[in-house]
Amino acid sequence: MINLCIKIQHELDEAKQQLEFFTSELDSLPEGSLNLSGKGGIPHWYRLKDKEDGTKLREYIKLSDQAMLESMTYKRYCNMKIKELNKFIKATEKYLTILSAETVDEKMFSSESPFKEYLIARVGNPFDISEEIENWLNAPYKKAPITDESHKVRTARGVRVRSKSEAMIVDELTFQGIPFRYECEFVANRHTYYPDFTIKHPKTGKIYLWEHFGLLDQSSYRSGSYNKVSDYLEEGFYLGYNLICTVEWNGIPLDGEWVHLIIQHFFKSE
């Protein structure tokens, strides 16, 4: 349900951006609206403009006035898109409100629920996913190739990683008891990637990706990073929702306290 809400919210955000674009386009277009009438199968184009007395002024547009016809046709298109987008936004916001409402399980099994104890005795706890997480951690998965040259740093738990910053993230995830896979294969938009960390939320079981971009001072690295995030977006991973990105560049290292706070925010907060 959460992933569906995220996808719909993303579509809603895109619709709002389009609405802003088409609305701004109207500022540069001619005054009035386009009117079409036909006699004998021949289209006749008119420009309708408001007069001070509340009536409409009807101006004939010659077929030779291509620029005016294109501008007024585009204006009609913009107005139709604005109407369509407003309907979509209104309906989607209403749907999101319904979709985001607390489920029966969330109500009855919440920590404050007086029914929780008695329900668990009868039906178990649907939010207890400890066995699912253990199976996920123990299951084999495709990893990025590891060499002495590419993975020179060892973490406190013995995982070989590419940098001290990645080691810091590994150690903090381990310390806080957050289940993760290091450099697990992930296909996004028909490209194969190995996200630094694939994380399973300890309470919900939802999958998160965490990429640490440590060489952003290099232009080719930046370009590859942008493409990767864009492909993740196509697969339903959105920055700030279920995609975490940390960055550093020459002279500005990753801060350990910031790593701690990120993990607390995404995986520990109620």
C-alpha atoms as a PDB file:
ATOM      1  CA  MET A   1       0.000   0.000   0.000  1.00  0.00           C
ATOM      2  CA  ILE A   2       2.861   2.382   0.853  1.00  0.00           C
ATOM      3  CA  ASN A   3       4.602   1.779  -2.498  1.00  0.00           C
ATOM      4  CA  LEU A   4       1.323   2.417  -4.333  1.00  0.00           C
ATOM      5  CA  CYS A   5       0.863   5.695  -2.465  1.00  0.00           C
ATOM      6  CA  ILE A   6       4.400   6.716  -3.413  1.00  0.00           C
ATOM      7  CA  LYS A   7       3.794   6.005  -7.113  1.00  0.00           C
ATOM      8  CA  ILE A   8       0.503   7.899  -7.130  1.00  0.00           C
ATOM      9  CA  GLN A   9       2.084  10.821  -5.268  1.00  0.00           C
ATOM     10  CA  HIS A  10       4.830  10.942  -7.897  1.00  0.00           C
ATOM     11  CA  GLU A  11       2.236  11.073 -10.702  1.00  0.00           C
ATOM     12  CA  LEU A  12       0.402  13.791  -8.790  1.00  0.00           C
ATOM     13  CA  ASP A  13       3.592  15.843  -8.466  1.00  0.00           C
ATOM     14  CA  GLU A  14       4.231  15.481 -12.207  1.00  0.00           C
ATOM     15  CA  ALA A  15       0.671  16.601 -12.986  1.00  0.00           C
ATOM     16  CA  LYS A  16       1.130  19.695 -10.820  1.00  0.00           C
ATOM     17  CA  GLN A  17       4.355  20.529 -12.648  1.00  0.00           C
ATOM     18  CA  GLN A  18       2.565  20.195 -15.995  1.00  0.00           C
ATOM     19  CA  LEU A  19      -0.265  22.385 -14.732  1.00  0.00           C
ATOM     20  CA  GLU A  20       2.221  25.061 -13.726  1.00  0.00           C
ATOM     21  CA  PHE A  21       3.872  24.843 -17.154  1.00  0.00           C
ATOM     22  CA  PHE A  22       0.670  25.166 -19.223  1.00  0.00           C
ATOM     23  CA  THR A  23      -0.617  27.951 -16.985  1.00  0.00           C
ATOM     24  CA  SER A  24       2.595  29.934 -17.474  1.00  0.00           C
ATOM     25  CA  GLU A  25       2.384  29.389 -21.253  1.00  0.00           C
ATOM     26  CA  LEU A  26      -0.871  31.348 -21.375  1.00  0.00           C
ATOM     27  CA  ASP A  27       0.954  34.550 -20.350  1.00  0.00           C
ATOM     28  CA  SER A  28       2.790  34.724 -23.693  1.00  0.00           C
ATOM     29  CA  LEU A  29      -0.193  33.933 -25.921  1.00  0.00           C
ATOM     30  CA  PRO A  30      -2.603  36.386 -27.591  1.00  0.00           C
ATOM     31  CA  GLU A  31      -5.711  37.634 -25.839  1.00  0.00           C
ATOM     32  CA  GLY A  32      -9.030  35.938 -26.493  1.00  0.00           C
ATOM     33  CA  SER A  33     -10.180  32.472 -27.508  1.00  0.00           C
ATOM     34  CA  LEU A  34     -10.429  30.556 -30.767  1.00  0.00           C
ATOM     35  CA  ASN A  35     -13.760  29.937 -32.448  1.00  0.00           C
ATOM     36  CA  LEU A  36     -14.368  27.703 -35.447  1.00  0.00           C
ATOM     37  CA  SER A  37     -17.366  27.726 -37.756  1.00  0.00           C
ATOM     38  CA  GLY A  38     -17.855  26.210 -41.159  1.00  0.00           C
ATOM     39  CA  LYS A  39     -19.820  27.053 -44.241  1.00  0.00           C
ATOM     40  CA  GLY A  40     -19.911  24.727 -47.185  1.00  0.00           C
ATOM     41  CA  GLY A  41     -17.355  22.468 -45.539  1.00  0.00           C
ATOM     42  CA  ILE A  42     -14.789  25.267 -45.389  1.00  0.00           C
ATOM     43  CA  PRO A  43     -13.485  26.129 -41.872  1.00  0.00           C
ATOM     44  CA  HIS A  44     -13.662  29.748 -40.795  1.00  0.00           C
ATOM     45  CA  TRP A  45     -11.515  30.807 -37.861  1.00  0.00           C
ATOM     46  CA  TYR A  46     -12.418  33.603 -35.460  1.00  0.00           C
ATOM     47  CA  ARG A  47     -10.804  35.185 -32.453  1.00  0.00           C
ATOM     48  CA  LEU A  48     -13.230  36.042 -29.649  1.00  0.00           C
ATOM     49  CA  LYS A  49     -12.273  38.892 -27.323  1.00  0.00           C
ATOM     50  CA  ASP A  50     -14.120  40.294 -24.323  1.00  0.00           C
ATOM     51  CA  LYS A  51     -15.520  43.815 -24.645  1.00  0.00           C
ATOM     52  CA  GLU A  52     -16.080  46.242 -21.769  1.00  0.00           C
ATOM     53  CA  ASP A  53     -19.864  45.873 -22.026  1.00  0.00           C
ATOM     54  CA  GLY A  54     -19.585  42.099 -21.445  1.00  0.00           C
ATOM     55  CA  THR A  55     -20.190  41.086 -25.045  1.00  0.00           C
ATOM     56  CA  LYS A  56     -17.720  39.351 -27.348  1.00  0.00           C
ATOM     57  CA  LEU A  57     -15.801  40.913 -30.226  1.00  0.00           C
ATOM     58  CA  ARG A  58     -15.495  38.455 -33.115  1.00  0.00           C
ATOM     59  CA  GLU A  59     -12.447  38.952 -35.334  1.00  0.00           C
ATOM     60  CA  TYR A  60     -11.939  36.890 -38.489  1.00  0.00           C
ATOM     61  CA  ILE A  61      -8.536  35.206 -38.779  1.00  0.00           C
ATOM     62  CA  LYS A  62      -7.270  34.834 -42.323  1.00  0.00           C
ATOM     63  CA  LEU A  63      -5.773  31.481 -43.291  1.00  0.00           C
ATOM     64  CA  SER A  64      -2.693  33.389 -44.362  1.00  0.00           C
ATOM     65  CA  ASP A  65      -2.173  34.511 -40.735  1.00  0.00           C
ATOM     66  CA  GLN A  66      -0.452  31.254 -39.824  1.00  0.00           C
ATOM     67  CA  ALA A  67       1.256  32.645 -36.709  1.00  0.00           C
ATOM     68  CA  MET A  68      -2.040  33.774 -35.177  1.00  0.00           C
ATOM     69  CA  LEU A  69      -3.755  30.473 -35.982  1.00  0.00           C
ATOM     70  CA  GLU A  70      -0.900  28.495 -34.419  1.00  0.00           C
ATOM     71  CA  SER A  71      -0.852  30.691 -31.301  1.00  0.00           C
ATOM     72  CA  MET A  72      -4.617  30.577 -30.776  1.00  0.00           C
ATOM     73  CA  THR A  73      -4.767  26.813 -31.440  1.00  0.00           C
ATOM     74  CA  TYR A  74      -1.967  26.264 -28.918  1.00  0.00           C
ATOM     75  CA  LYS A  75      -3.807  28.453 -26.422  1.00  0.00           C
ATOM     76  CA  ARG A  76      -6.926  26.318 -26.853  1.00  0.00           C
ATOM     77  CA  TYR A  77      -4.793  23.219 -26.286  1.00  0.00           C
ATOM     78  CA  CYS A  78      -3.226  24.720 -23.128  1.00  0.00           C
ATOM     79  CA  ASN A  79      -6.640  25.575 -21.690  1.00  0.00           C
ATOM     80  CA  MET A  80      -7.909  22.056 -22.389  1.00  0.00           C
ATOM     81  CA  LYS A  81      -4.813  20.554 -20.735  1.00  0.00           C
ATOM     82  CA  ILE A  82      -5.281  22.808 -17.701  1.00  0.00           C
ATOM     83  CA  LYS A  83      -8.892  21.654 -17.352  1.00  0.00           C
ATOM     84  CA  GLU A  84      -7.870  18.004 -17.733  1.00  0.00           C
ATOM     85  CA  LEU A  85      -4.999  18.297 -15.237  1.00  0.00           C
ATOM     86  CA  ASN A  86      -7.155  20.076 -12.662  1.00  0.00           C
ATOM     87  CA  LYS A  87      -9.664  17.212 -12.820  1.00  0.00           C
ATOM     88  CA  PHE A  88      -6.869  14.646 -12.461  1.00  0.00           C
ATOM     89  CA  ILE A  89      -5.270  16.470  -9.521  1.00  0.00           C
ATOM     90  CA  LYS A  90      -8.571  16.852  -7.674  1.00  0.00           C
ATOM     91  CA  ALA A  91      -9.513  13.190  -8.146  1.00  0.00           C
ATOM     92  CA  THR A  92      -6.025  11.904  -7.313  1.00  0.00           C
ATOM     93  CA  GLU A  93      -5.740  13.964  -4.123  1.00  0.00           C
ATOM     94  CA  LYS A  94      -9.102  12.563  -2.997  1.00  0.00           C
ATOM     95  CA  TYR A  95      -7.985   9.006  -3.859  1.00  0.00           C
ATOM     96  CA  LEU A  96      -4.707   9.451  -1.969  1.00  0.00           C
ATOM     97  CA  THR A  97      -6.616  10.594   1.108  1.00  0.00           C
ATOM     98  CA  ILE A  98      -8.650   7.382   1.019  1.00  0.00           C
ATOM     99  CA  LEU A  99      -5.632   5.202   0.210  1.00  0.00           C
ATOM    100  CA  SER A 100      -3.513   6.713   2.973  1.00  0.00           C
ATOM    101  CA  ALA A 101      -6.123   6.095   5.655  1.00  0.00           C
ATOM    102  CA  GLU A 102      -5.145   3.800   8.502  1.00  0.00           C
ATOM    103  CA  THR A 103      -5.902   0.143   7.748  1.00  0.00           C
ATOM    104  CA  VAL A 104      -7.789  -2.181  10.119  1.00  0.00           C
ATOM    105  CA  ASP A 105      -4.579  -4.045  10.955  1.00  0.00           C
ATOM    106  CA  GLU A 106      -2.715  -0.810  11.645  1.00  0.00           C
ATOM    107  CA  LYS A 107      -5.503   0.254  14.018  1.00  0.00           C
ATOM    108  CA  MET A 108      -6.031  -3.024  15.838  1.00  0.00           C
ATOM    109  CA  PHE A 109      -2.362  -3.987  16.155  1.00  0.00           C
ATOM    110  CA  SER A 110      -0.909  -0.568  16.989  1.00  0.00           C
ATOM    111  CA  SER A 111       1.101  -0.261  20.197  1.00  0.00           C
ATOM    112  CA  GLU A 112      -1.718   1.829  21.727  1.00  0.00           C
ATOM    113  CA  SER A 113      -4.492  -0.624  20.795  1.00  0.00           C
ATOM    114  CA  PRO A 114      -6.227  -2.301  23.769  1.00  0.00           C
ATOM    115  CA  PHE A 115      -7.203  -5.161  21.416  1.00  0.00           C
ATOM    116  CA  LYS A 116      -3.664  -6.084  20.323  1.00  0.00           C
ATOM    117  CA  GLU A 117      -2.882  -8.602  23.076  1.00  0.00           C
ATOM    118  CA  TYR A 118      -6.087 -10.596  22.552  1.00  0.00           C
ATOM    119  CA  LEU A 119      -5.902 -10.525  18.764  1.00  0.00           C
ATOM    120  CA  ILE A 120      -2.336 -11.833  18.731  1.00  0.00           C
ATOM    121  CA  ALA A 121      -3.433 -14.787  20.867  1.00  0.00           C
ATOM    122  CA  ARG A 122      -6.046 -15.646  18.235  1.00  0.00           C
ATOM    123  CA  VAL A 123      -4.575 -14.675  14.844  1.00  0.00           C
ATOM    124  CA  GLY A 124      -0.928 -13.853  15.502  1.00  0.00           C
ATOM    125  CA  ASN A 125       0.767 -10.552  14.756  1.00  0.00           C
ATOM    126  CA  PRO A 126       0.673  -9.617  11.035  1.00  0.00           C
ATOM    127  CA  PHE A 127       3.474  -7.113  11.643  1.00  0.00           C
ATOM    128  CA  ASP A 128       5.907  -9.668  13.079  1.00  0.00           C
ATOM    129  CA  ILE A 129       8.184 -10.285  10.108  1.00  0.00           C
ATOM    130  CA  SER A 130      11.245 -11.563  11.981  1.00  0.00           C
ATOM    131  CA  GLU A 131      11.129 -14.946  10.207  1.00  0.00           C
ATOM    132  CA  GLU A 132      10.704 -13.284   6.813  1.00  0.00           C
ATOM    133  CA  ILE A 133      13.717 -11.057   7.479  1.00  0.00           C
ATOM    134  CA  GLU A 134      15.860 -13.967   8.663  1.00  0.00           C
ATOM    135  CA  ASN A 135      15.051 -15.937   5.505  1.00  0.00           C
ATOM    136  CA  TRP A 136      15.859 -12.876   3.370  1.00  0.00           C
ATOM    137  CA  LEU A 137      19.210 -12.375   5.093  1.00  0.00           C
ATOM    138  CA  ASN A 138      20.191 -16.016   4.690  1.00  0.00           C
ATOM    139  CA  ALA A 139      19.083 -16.347   1.069  1.00  0.00           C
ATOM    140  CA  PRO A 140      21.842 -16.233  -1.578  1.00  0.00           C
ATOM    141  CA  TYR A 141      21.917 -13.262  -3.961  1.00  0.00           C
ATOM    142  CA  LYS A 142      23.930 -12.035  -6.924  1.00  0.00           C
ATOM    143  CA  LYS A 143      26.696  -9.690  -5.813  1.00  0.00           C
ATOM    144  CA  ALA A 144      29.053  -7.332  -7.562  1.00  0.00           C
ATOM    145  CA  PRO A 145      32.481  -8.868  -8.240  1.00  0.00           C
ATOM    146  CA  ILE A 146      34.841  -8.306  -5.301  1.00  0.00           C
ATOM    147  CA  THR A 147      38.590  -7.905  -5.815  1.00  0.00           C
ATOM    148  CA  ASP A 148      41.503  -6.828  -3.626  1.00  0.00           C
ATOM    149  CA  GLU A 149      41.767  -3.656  -5.672  1.00  0.00           C
ATOM    150  CA  SER A 150      38.100  -2.646  -5.683  1.00  0.00           C
ATOM    151  CA  HIS A 151      37.210  -3.570  -2.093  1.00  0.00           C
ATOM    152  CA  LYS A 152      40.155  -2.631   0.082  1.00  0.00           C
ATOM    153  CA  VAL A 153      38.350  -1.711   3.309  1.00  0.00           C
ATOM    154  CA  ARG A 154      37.030  -4.169   5.889  1.00  0.00           C
ATOM    155  CA  THR A 155      34.191  -3.306   8.260  1.00  0.00           C
ATOM    156  CA  ALA A 156      33.890  -4.306  11.896  1.00  0.00           C
ATOM    157  CA  ARG A 157      31.826  -7.334  10.850  1.00  0.00           C
ATOM    158  CA  GLY A 158      34.355  -8.350   8.211  1.00  0.00           C
ATOM    159  CA  VAL A 159      32.515  -7.145   5.112  1.00  0.00           C
ATOM    160  CA  ARG A 160      34.859  -5.969   2.367  1.00  0.00           C
ATOM    161  CA  VAL A 161      33.701  -2.630   0.955  1.00  0.00           C
ATOM    162  CA  ARG A 162      34.985   0.045  -1.391  1.00  0.00           C
ATOM    163  CA  SER A 163      35.529   2.945   1.024  1.00  0.00           C
ATOM    164  CA  LYS A 164      35.690   4.050   4.643  1.00  0.00           C
ATOM    165  CA  SER A 165      32.352   5.805   4.159  1.00  0.00           C
ATOM    166  CA  GLU A 166      30.676   2.577   3.068  1.00  0.00           C
ATOM    167  CA  ALA A 167      32.273   0.853   6.068  1.00  0.00           C
ATOM    168  CA  MET A 168      30.768   3.531   8.313  1.00  0.00           C
ATOM    169  CA  ILE A 169      27.284   2.863   6.875  1.00  0.00           C
ATOM    170  CA  VAL A 170      27.705  -0.922   7.217  1.00  0.00           C
ATOM    171  CA  ASP A 171      28.790  -0.639  10.842  1.00  0.00           C
ATOM    172  CA  GLU A 172      25.942   1.746  11.726  1.00  0.00           C
ATOM    173  CA  LEU A 173      23.301  -0.441  10.027  1.00  0.00           C
ATOM    174  CA  THR A 174      24.713  -3.452  11.891  1.00  0.00           C
ATOM    175  CA  PHE A 175      24.820  -1.620  15.225  1.00  0.00           C
ATOM    176  CA  GLN A 176      21.189  -0.551  14.869  1.00  0.00           C
ATOM    177  CA  GLY A 177      20.042  -4.017  13.794  1.00  0.00           C
ATOM    178  CA  ILE A 178      18.891  -3.044  10.298  1.00  0.00           C
ATOM    179  CA  PRO A 179      18.888  -5.986   7.815  1.00  0.00           C
ATOM    180  CA  PHE A 180      20.713  -5.252   4.551  1.00  0.00           C
ATOM    181  CA  ARG A 181      22.524  -6.732   1.578  1.00  0.00           C
ATOM    182  CA  TYR A 182      25.710  -5.191   0.241  1.00  0.00           C
ATOM    183  CA  GLU A 183      25.936  -4.627  -3.536  1.00  0.00           C
ATOM    184  CA  CYS A 184      22.992  -6.892  -4.406  1.00  0.00           C
ATOM    185  CA  GLU A 185      22.174  -7.054  -8.131  1.00  0.00           C
ATOM    186  CA  PHE A 186      19.229  -4.891  -9.161  1.00  0.00           C
ATOM    187  CA  VAL A 187      17.868  -4.437 -12.705  1.00  0.00           C
ATOM    188  CA  ALA A 188      16.392  -0.994 -13.327  1.00  0.00           C
ATOM    189  CA  ASN A 189      15.101   0.222 -16.678  1.00  0.00           C
ATOM    190  CA  ARG A 190      16.892  -2.734 -18.367  1.00  0.00           C
ATOM    191  CA  HIS A 191      20.240  -1.774 -16.806  1.00  0.00           C
ATOM    192  CA  THR A 192      21.997  -3.908 -14.201  1.00  0.00           C
ATOM    193  CA  TYR A 193      23.165  -2.114 -11.069  1.00  0.00           C
ATOM    194  CA  TYR A 194      24.599  -3.077  -7.715  1.00  0.00           C
ATOM    195  CA  PRO A 195      23.184  -0.577  -5.190  1.00  0.00           C
ATOM    196  CA  ASP A 196      25.531  -0.082  -2.246  1.00  0.00           C
ATOM    197  CA  PHE A 197      22.866  -1.222   0.194  1.00  0.00           C
ATOM    198  CA  THR A 198      19.554  -3.004  -0.305  1.00  0.00           C
ATOM    199  CA  ILE A 199      17.711  -2.689   3.001  1.00  0.00           C
ATOM    200  CA  LYS A 200      14.638  -4.504   4.295  1.00  0.00           C
ATOM    201  CA  HIS A 201      12.693  -2.389   6.758  1.00  0.00           C
ATOM    202  CA  PRO A 202      12.720  -4.281  10.080  1.00  0.00           C
ATOM    203  CA  LYS A 203       9.044  -3.496  10.792  1.00  0.00           C
ATOM    204  CA  THR A 204       7.318  -3.364   7.416  1.00  0.00           C
ATOM    205  CA  GLY A 205       9.545  -5.585   5.269  1.00  0.00           C
ATOM    206  CA  LYS A 206       9.585  -2.940   2.525  1.00  0.00           C
ATOM    207  CA  ILE A 207      12.724  -2.673   0.413  1.00  0.00           C
ATOM    208  CA  TYR A 208      14.852   0.482   0.393  1.00  0.00           C
ATOM    209  CA  LEU A 209      17.925   1.286  -1.666  1.00  0.00           C
ATOM    210  CA  TRP A 210      20.845   3.318  -0.330  1.00  0.00           C
ATOM    211  CA  GLU A 211      23.469   4.693  -2.667  1.00  0.00           C
ATOM    212  CA  HIS A 212      26.548   6.505  -1.414  1.00  0.00           C
ATOM    213  CA  PHE A 213      28.038   8.746  -4.103  1.00  0.00           C
ATOM    214  CA  GLY A 214      31.586   9.408  -2.966  1.00  0.00           C
ATOM    215  CA  LEU A 215      33.215  10.944  -6.045  1.00  0.00           C
ATOM    216  CA  LEU A 216      30.850  13.726  -7.070  1.00  0.00           C
ATOM    217  CA  ASP A 217      33.759  16.025  -7.852  1.00  0.00           C
ATOM    218  CA  GLN A 218      34.334  13.884 -11.004  1.00  0.00           C
ATOM    219  CA  SER A 219      32.057  14.832 -13.901  1.00  0.00           C
ATOM    220  CA  SER A 220      31.845  11.333 -15.423  1.00  0.00           C
ATOM    221  CA  TYR A 221      30.945   9.885 -12.023  1.00  0.00           C
ATOM    222  CA  ARG A 222      28.239  12.535 -11.570  1.00  0.00           C
ATOM    223  CA  SER A 223      26.726  11.707 -14.927  1.00  0.00           C
ATOM    224  CA  GLY A 224      26.580   8.007 -14.143  1.00  0.00           C
ATOM    225  CA  SER A 225      25.042   8.744 -10.739  1.00  0.00           C
ATOM    226  CA  TYR A 226      22.269  10.871 -12.279  1.00  0.00           C
ATOM    227  CA  ASN A 227      21.452   8.123 -14.788  1.00  0.00           C
ATOM    228  CA  LYS A 228      21.340   5.519 -12.039  1.00  0.00           C
ATOM    229  CA  VAL A 229      18.934   7.534  -9.890  1.00  0.00           C
ATOM    230  CA  SER A 230      16.767   8.178 -12.946  1.00  0.00           C
ATOM    231  CA  ASP A 231      16.558   4.442 -13.657  1.00  0.00           C
ATOM    232  CA  TYR A 232      15.710   3.735 -10.018  1.00  0.00           C
ATOM    233  CA  LEU A 233      12.862   6.217 -10.364  1.00  0.00           C
ATOM    234  CA  GLU A 234      11.454   4.196 -13.259  1.00  0.00           C
ATOM    235  CA  GLU A 235      11.302   1.170 -10.939  1.00  0.00           C
ATOM    236  CA  GLY A 236       9.393   2.984  -8.191  1.00  0.00           C
ATOM    237  CA  PHE A 237      12.276   4.070  -5.962  1.00  0.00           C
ATOM    238  CA  TYR A 238      11.921   7.738  -5.077  1.00  0.00           C
ATOM    239  CA  LEU A 239      14.465   9.896  -3.319  1.00  0.00           C
ATOM    240  CA  GLY A 240      13.354  10.630   0.213  1.00  0.00           C
ATOM    241  CA  TYR A 241      10.774   7.816   0.232  1.00  0.00           C
ATOM    242  CA  ASN A 242      12.418   4.451  -0.420  1.00  0.00           C
ATOM    243  CA  LEU A 243      15.676   5.666  -1.957  1.00  0.00           C
ATOM    244  CA  ILE A 244      18.426   7.124   0.219  1.00  0.00           C
ATOM    245  CA  CYS A 245      21.372   8.958  -1.290  1.00  0.00           C
ATOM    246  CA  THR A 246      24.389  10.266   0.593  1.00  0.00           C
ATOM    247  CA  VAL A 247      27.162  12.201  -1.094  1.00  0.00           C
ATOM    248  CA  GLU A 248      30.662  13.472  -0.556  1.00  0.00           C
ATOM    249  CA  TRP A 249      33.399  15.028  -2.616  1.00  0.00           C
ATOM    250  CA  ASN A 250      36.955  16.117  -2.164  1.00  0.00           C
ATOM    251  CA  GLY A 251      37.315  17.882   1.172  1.00  0.00           C
ATOM    252  CA  ILE A 252      33.746  17.191   2.357  1.00  0.00           C
ATOM    253  CA  PRO A 253      33.569  13.667   3.847  1.00  0.00           C
ATOM    254  CA  LEU A 254      30.511  11.750   4.999  1.00  0.00           C
ATOM    255  CA  ASP A 255      29.550  12.583   8.573  1.00  0.00           C
ATOM    256  CA  GLY A 256      28.974   9.658  10.969  1.00  0.00           C
ATOM    257  CA  GLU A 257      26.332  11.486  12.972  1.00  0.00           C
ATOM    258  CA  TRP A 258      24.402  12.163   9.770  1.00  0.00           C
ATOM    259  CA  VAL A 259      24.472   8.446   8.895  1.00  0.00           C
ATOM    260  CA  HIS A 260      23.106   7.645  12.356  1.00  0.00           C
ATOM    261  CA  LEU A 261      20.270  10.165  11.975  1.00  0.00           C
ATOM    262  CA  ILE A 262      19.340   8.904   8.496  1.00  0.00           C
ATOM    263  CA  ILE A 263      18.967   5.353   9.791  1.00  0.00           C
ATOM    264  CA  GLN A 264      16.959   6.550  12.770  1.00  0.00           C
ATOM    265  CA  HIS A 265      14.630   8.527  10.495  1.00  0.00           C
ATOM    266  CA  PHE A 266      13.950   5.827   7.898  1.00  0.00           C
ATOM    267  CA  PHE A 267      14.015   2.648   9.994  1.00  0.00           C
ATOM    268  CA  LYS A 268      13.552   3.507  13.664  1.00  0.00           C
ATOM    269  CA  SER A 269      10.970   6.286  13.873  1.00  0.00           C
ATOM    270  CA  GLU A 270       7.349   5.279  14.517  1.00  0.00           C
END
